[in-house]
Protein backbone atom coordinates (compact mmCIF):
# COMPACT_ATOMS: atom_id res chain seq x y z
CA MET A 1 90.71 111.93 226.55
CA LYS A 2 92.13 108.41 226.30
CA ARG A 3 88.62 107.07 225.81
CA ILE A 4 88.03 109.51 222.94
CA ILE A 5 91.34 108.57 221.29
CA GLY A 6 90.44 104.90 221.71
CA LEU A 7 87.06 105.43 220.05
CA ILE A 8 88.72 107.30 217.17
CA LEU A 9 91.19 104.43 216.62
CA ILE A 10 88.44 101.81 216.71
CA THR A 11 86.37 103.82 214.22
CA ALA A 12 89.38 104.16 211.94
CA ILE A 13 90.09 100.41 212.04
CA ILE A 14 86.46 99.58 211.28
CA SER A 15 86.48 102.05 208.39
CA VAL A 16 89.64 100.48 206.92
CA ASN A 17 88.19 96.99 207.24
CA LEU A 18 84.96 98.05 205.56
CA THR A 19 86.91 99.72 202.76
CA VAL A 20 89.04 96.61 202.17
CA THR A 21 85.93 94.42 202.17
CA THR A 22 84.17 96.77 199.78
CA PHE A 23 87.13 96.77 197.40
CA ALA A 24 87.33 92.98 197.57
CA ASP A 25 83.61 92.61 196.93
CA ASN A 26 83.80 95.00 193.99
CA SER A 27 86.97 93.53 192.50
CA TYR A 28 86.98 92.02 189.03
CA LEU A 29 87.58 88.53 190.40
CA HIS A 30 84.58 88.79 192.72
CA SER A 31 82.39 89.95 189.83
CA TYR A 32 83.77 87.23 187.57
CA ILE A 33 82.95 84.50 190.09
CA LYS A 34 79.49 85.99 190.62
CA GLU A 35 78.88 86.00 186.87
CA ASN A 36 79.78 82.30 186.59
CA GLU A 37 78.54 81.34 190.05
CA GLU A 38 76.15 78.56 189.02
CA ASP A 39 78.69 76.67 186.90
CA PHE A 40 81.53 77.26 189.37
CA LYS A 41 79.52 75.87 192.28
CA ASP A 42 78.51 72.84 190.20
CA ILE A 43 82.16 72.22 189.34
CA VAL A 44 83.24 72.48 192.98
CA SER A 45 80.54 70.00 193.99
CA TYR A 46 81.52 67.63 191.17
CA LEU A 47 85.23 67.73 192.03
CA LYS A 48 84.56 67.10 195.71
CA ASP A 49 82.76 63.89 194.76
CA TYR A 50 85.33 62.97 192.12
CA GLY A 51 88.36 62.74 194.42
CA GLY A 52 91.86 61.68 193.41
CA THR A 53 95.49 62.52 194.15
CA ALA A 54 95.46 65.60 191.92
CA LEU A 55 92.87 67.19 194.21
CA PRO A 56 93.40 68.44 197.78
CA SER A 57 92.80 65.80 200.45
CA ASN A 58 90.53 68.28 202.22
CA PRO A 59 87.54 68.84 199.86
CA ASP A 60 86.81 72.17 201.55
CA LYS A 61 89.96 73.55 199.89
CA ILE A 62 88.28 73.22 196.49
CA THR A 63 86.85 76.71 195.95
CA THR A 64 85.34 78.81 193.18
CA GLU A 65 88.29 81.25 193.39
CA ASP A 66 90.50 78.61 191.75
CA ILE A 67 88.33 78.08 188.65
CA VAL A 68 88.48 79.90 185.33
CA LYS A 69 86.63 79.64 182.02
CA VAL A 70 88.97 78.60 179.20
CA HIS A 71 89.19 80.34 175.84
CA CYS A 72 91.29 79.61 172.76
CA PHE A 73 92.09 81.10 169.36
CA GLU A 74 89.87 80.09 166.47
CA GLU A 75 92.78 80.77 164.10
CA SER A 76 96.01 79.63 165.76
CA HIS A 77 98.36 81.31 163.28
CA LEU A 78 98.36 84.64 165.11
CA PRO A 79 100.85 86.51 162.89
CA ASN A 80 98.70 85.84 159.82
CA TYR A 81 95.47 86.69 161.62
CA PHE A 82 96.82 89.93 163.07
CA ALA A 83 98.29 90.97 159.72
CA GLU A 84 94.85 90.59 158.14
CA PHE A 85 92.61 92.07 160.85
CA GLY A 86 94.90 94.22 163.01
CA ASN A 87 93.43 92.90 166.29
CA LEU A 88 92.70 89.63 168.11
CA SER A 89 89.37 90.27 169.78
CA LYS A 90 87.19 88.34 167.30
CA ASN A 91 89.68 85.47 167.12
CA ILE A 92 89.05 84.48 170.75
CA ILE A 93 86.38 81.83 171.30
CA ASP A 94 84.88 80.03 174.28
CA CYS A 95 86.25 76.46 174.51
CA ASN A 96 83.28 75.31 176.62
CA GLU A 97 85.72 74.14 179.26
CA TYR A 98 86.79 75.25 182.72
CA LYS A 99 90.09 74.85 184.52
CA TYR A 100 90.56 74.18 188.20
CA PHE A 101 93.95 75.08 189.72
CA SER A 102 94.67 72.51 192.42
CA PRO A 103 96.96 73.36 195.36
CA GLU A 104 98.55 69.95 194.69
CA GLY A 105 100.26 71.42 191.61
CA TYR A 106 97.86 70.13 188.97
CA SER A 107 95.30 71.77 186.77
CA ILE A 108 92.15 69.89 185.86
CA ILE A 109 90.06 70.56 182.76
CA ILE A 110 86.31 70.12 183.29
CA GLY A 111 83.44 70.40 180.86
CA LYS A 112 80.07 68.94 180.00
CA ASN A 113 79.87 65.77 177.93
CA ASP A 114 77.26 64.86 175.32
CA LYS A 115 74.84 64.02 178.12
CA LYS A 116 75.28 67.54 179.53
CA GLU A 117 76.96 66.08 182.61
CA TRP A 118 80.17 67.42 184.15
CA GLU A 119 83.25 65.40 183.28
CA VAL A 120 87.02 65.64 183.74
CA PHE A 121 88.54 65.99 180.26
CA GLY A 122 92.20 66.19 181.21
CA ILE A 123 94.74 66.56 184.00
CA SER A 124 98.05 68.36 183.69
CA ASN A 125 101.01 69.01 185.97
CA GLU A 126 101.48 72.38 184.28
CA LEU A 127 101.67 74.24 187.61
CA ARG A 128 104.59 72.09 188.77
CA LEU A 129 106.33 72.37 185.41
CA ALA A 130 105.79 76.12 185.34
CA ASP A 131 107.20 76.46 188.85
CA SER A 132 110.33 74.54 187.88
CA ASN A 133 110.86 76.74 184.80
CA HIS A 134 109.67 80.05 186.28
CA ASN A 135 110.18 79.88 190.02
CA GLY A 136 108.27 82.56 191.88
CA ILE A 137 105.79 83.32 189.07
CA SER A 138 102.25 82.09 189.67
CA PHE A 139 100.33 80.52 186.79
CA GLU A 140 96.99 80.70 188.61
CA PHE A 141 94.36 82.97 187.09
CA LYS A 142 93.65 84.93 190.26
CA ASP A 143 97.34 85.90 190.48
CA MET A 144 97.48 86.76 186.78
CA ILE A 145 94.59 89.18 187.34
CA ALA A 146 96.29 90.70 190.38
CA ASN A 147 99.36 91.38 188.23
CA ILE A 148 97.26 93.04 185.51
CA GLU A 149 95.50 95.25 188.07
CA LYS A 150 98.86 96.51 189.34
CA VAL A 151 100.11 97.52 185.90
CA HIS A 152 96.84 98.53 184.22
CA PRO A 153 94.34 99.50 186.94
CA ASN A 154 91.98 101.02 184.35
CA TYR A 155 91.63 97.89 182.24
CA ASN A 156 88.24 96.90 180.83
CA TYR A 157 86.89 94.07 183.03
CA GLU A 158 84.53 92.81 180.34
CA SER A 159 87.36 92.30 177.85
CA VAL A 160 89.29 89.78 179.98
CA LYS A 161 89.76 86.28 178.54
CA TYR A 162 91.95 83.44 179.85
CA ILE A 163 93.43 81.73 176.77
CA GLU A 164 95.23 78.41 176.33
CA TYR A 165 97.51 78.85 173.34
CA ASP A 166 98.45 75.22 172.76
CA THR A 167 100.47 76.02 169.64
CA LEU A 168 103.19 77.67 171.73
CA GLY A 169 102.54 75.95 175.06
CA THR A 170 101.54 79.32 176.51
CA TYR A 171 98.79 80.72 178.73
CA LEU A 172 97.62 84.22 177.93
CA VAL A 173 95.26 86.68 179.55
CA TYR A 174 93.80 89.01 176.96
CA PHE A 175 92.42 92.38 178.01
CA VAL A 176 91.85 95.88 176.73
CA SER A 177 92.95 99.05 178.48
CA GLU A 178 92.32 102.52 177.07
CA ASP A 179 91.39 100.99 173.68
CA ILE A 180 94.67 99.06 173.40
CA GLU A 181 94.79 95.24 173.31
CA TYR A 182 97.17 93.54 175.73
CA LEU A 183 98.33 89.99 176.51
CA ALA A 184 99.70 88.92 179.87
CA CYS A 185 102.02 86.08 178.85
CA TYR A 186 102.83 82.88 180.72
CA PRO A 187 104.86 80.44 178.56
CA ILE A 188 105.64 77.05 180.10
CA ASN A 189 109.10 76.93 178.52
CA ASN A 190 111.89 79.23 179.66
CA ALA A 191 114.66 81.11 177.88
CA ASP A 192 116.97 78.07 178.06
CA ASN A 193 114.45 76.21 175.90
CA GLY A 194 114.28 78.97 173.31
CA GLU A 195 111.43 81.00 174.78
CA LYS A 196 111.72 84.67 173.75
CA VAL A 197 108.74 85.97 175.71
CA THR A 198 109.32 87.02 179.32
CA CYS A 199 107.06 85.05 181.63
CA GLY A 200 104.63 87.22 183.56
CA LYS A 201 105.21 90.26 181.37
CA ILE A 202 102.34 92.19 179.80
CA TYR A 203 102.73 93.05 176.11
CA THR A 204 100.58 94.93 173.67
CA VAL A 205 99.20 92.48 171.12
CA LYS A 206 101.43 94.03 168.46
CA GLU A 207 104.52 93.63 170.65
CA TYR A 208 103.67 89.98 171.22
CA ILE A 209 103.07 89.31 167.53
CA ASP A 210 106.38 90.99 166.65
CA ILE A 211 108.19 88.63 169.04
CA ILE A 212 106.60 85.38 167.90
CA TYR A 213 106.55 86.34 164.19
CA ASP A 214 110.03 84.84 163.66
CA TYR A 215 109.31 81.57 165.46
CA PRO A 216 110.13 78.69 163.07
CA ILE A 217 106.69 77.18 163.67
CA PHE A 218 105.12 80.14 161.84
CA SER A 219 107.67 80.75 159.09
CA SER A 220 106.86 77.62 157.07
CA THR A 221 103.09 77.59 157.47
CA SER A 222 100.09 79.59 156.40
CA SER A 223 96.73 79.96 158.08
CA ASP A 224 95.02 77.48 155.74
CA LYS A 225 97.57 74.72 156.39
CA GLY A 226 97.65 74.87 160.14
CA ILE A 227 100.51 75.30 162.52
CA GLY A 228 103.58 73.08 162.26
CA GLY A 229 102.35 71.19 159.23
CA GLY A 230 99.40 69.69 161.01
CA VAL A 231 100.96 68.79 164.34
CA ASP A 232 98.01 67.93 166.55
CA THR A 233 97.56 69.29 170.07
CA THR A 234 94.54 67.61 171.60
CA VAL A 235 92.78 67.01 174.84
CA THR A 236 92.10 63.38 175.69
CA LYS A 237 90.52 61.62 178.64
CA ASP A 238 93.94 60.82 180.09
CA ILE A 239 96.40 63.55 179.21
CA ARG A 240 96.71 67.05 177.74
CA HIS A 241 99.50 67.21 175.16
CA TRP A 242 101.52 70.34 174.51
CA TYR A 243 103.54 70.62 171.31
CA VAL A 244 106.45 72.50 172.83
CA TYR A 245 106.58 70.92 176.28
CA PRO A 246 109.83 69.27 177.31
CA LEU A 247 109.54 65.50 177.02
CA ILE A 248 110.08 65.06 180.75
CA GLY A 249 107.05 67.25 181.40
CA VAL A 250 104.85 64.99 179.28
CA VAL A 251 106.13 61.93 181.10
CA VAL A 252 105.38 63.46 184.47
CA ILE A 253 101.90 64.43 183.35
CA GLY A 254 101.25 60.86 182.24
CA SER A 255 102.43 59.48 185.56
CA GLY A 256 100.27 61.91 187.49
CA VAL A 257 97.22 61.01 185.49
CA ALA A 258 97.85 57.30 185.90
CA ALA A 259 98.04 57.66 189.68
CA PHE A 260 94.93 59.84 189.65
CA MET A 261 92.90 57.34 187.63
CA ILE A 262 94.08 54.34 189.69
CA LYS A 263 93.04 56.02 192.92
CA ARG A 264 89.69 56.95 191.40
CA ARG A 265 89.03 53.35 190.36
CA HIS A 266 89.96 52.05 193.82
CA SER A 267 87.63 54.56 195.46
CA LYS A 268 84.72 53.17 193.44
CA ILE A 269 85.38 49.52 194.31
């Protein structure tokens, strides 16, 4: 009898393990990595050779699970765009860049240069800054997806886009569920710095537009003039600038990049 009970328990445990594995293998994140497998593996290989203080000291910790394809808005004045078209889907474009979330607290932007070779375009301490402003909320893509799956388990996998909204210093995950557009919102700033959006919360696109509609940055501009009267938010070889970041954040980013580049130069000597 005991032997039979033991066999039943073992069978049950194996069944649970197989179920968990099956769910993991069929998850959106698994499919997403599979879809971008060639580029992701190339990026991992490139970063392992690249080195630097912004990357883990153990190269084996650099994995495809920590990489995401970056998208942005073609028209950055979202209130104007939404008022005209009533949706955001066609305003989202591929930036031809990828982001690696380092366990060291940095994110690294990678893309292909004019020679079609992988290159680091920018390094940011956004994960450290986000943690200081929103303690306990993860800004890594895999955790953003996990949060979406809890709230909207029936979301459309193919609609998902990770978006860097430089204009407001915010990271967004766009998705559609039951024919409704949503944005999972992750602003770097917090309420003390004037942020009105709750970090980690999922809004319908309309709810999000209604919140940001009154932001001063939109009230004095139109879509043909650009946001903030032409304030430039660019990616350079050394630093990624954010228009609404606290000054201290920019300074820290600069310091981190300087240390990263110095170490890289020394490693090549």
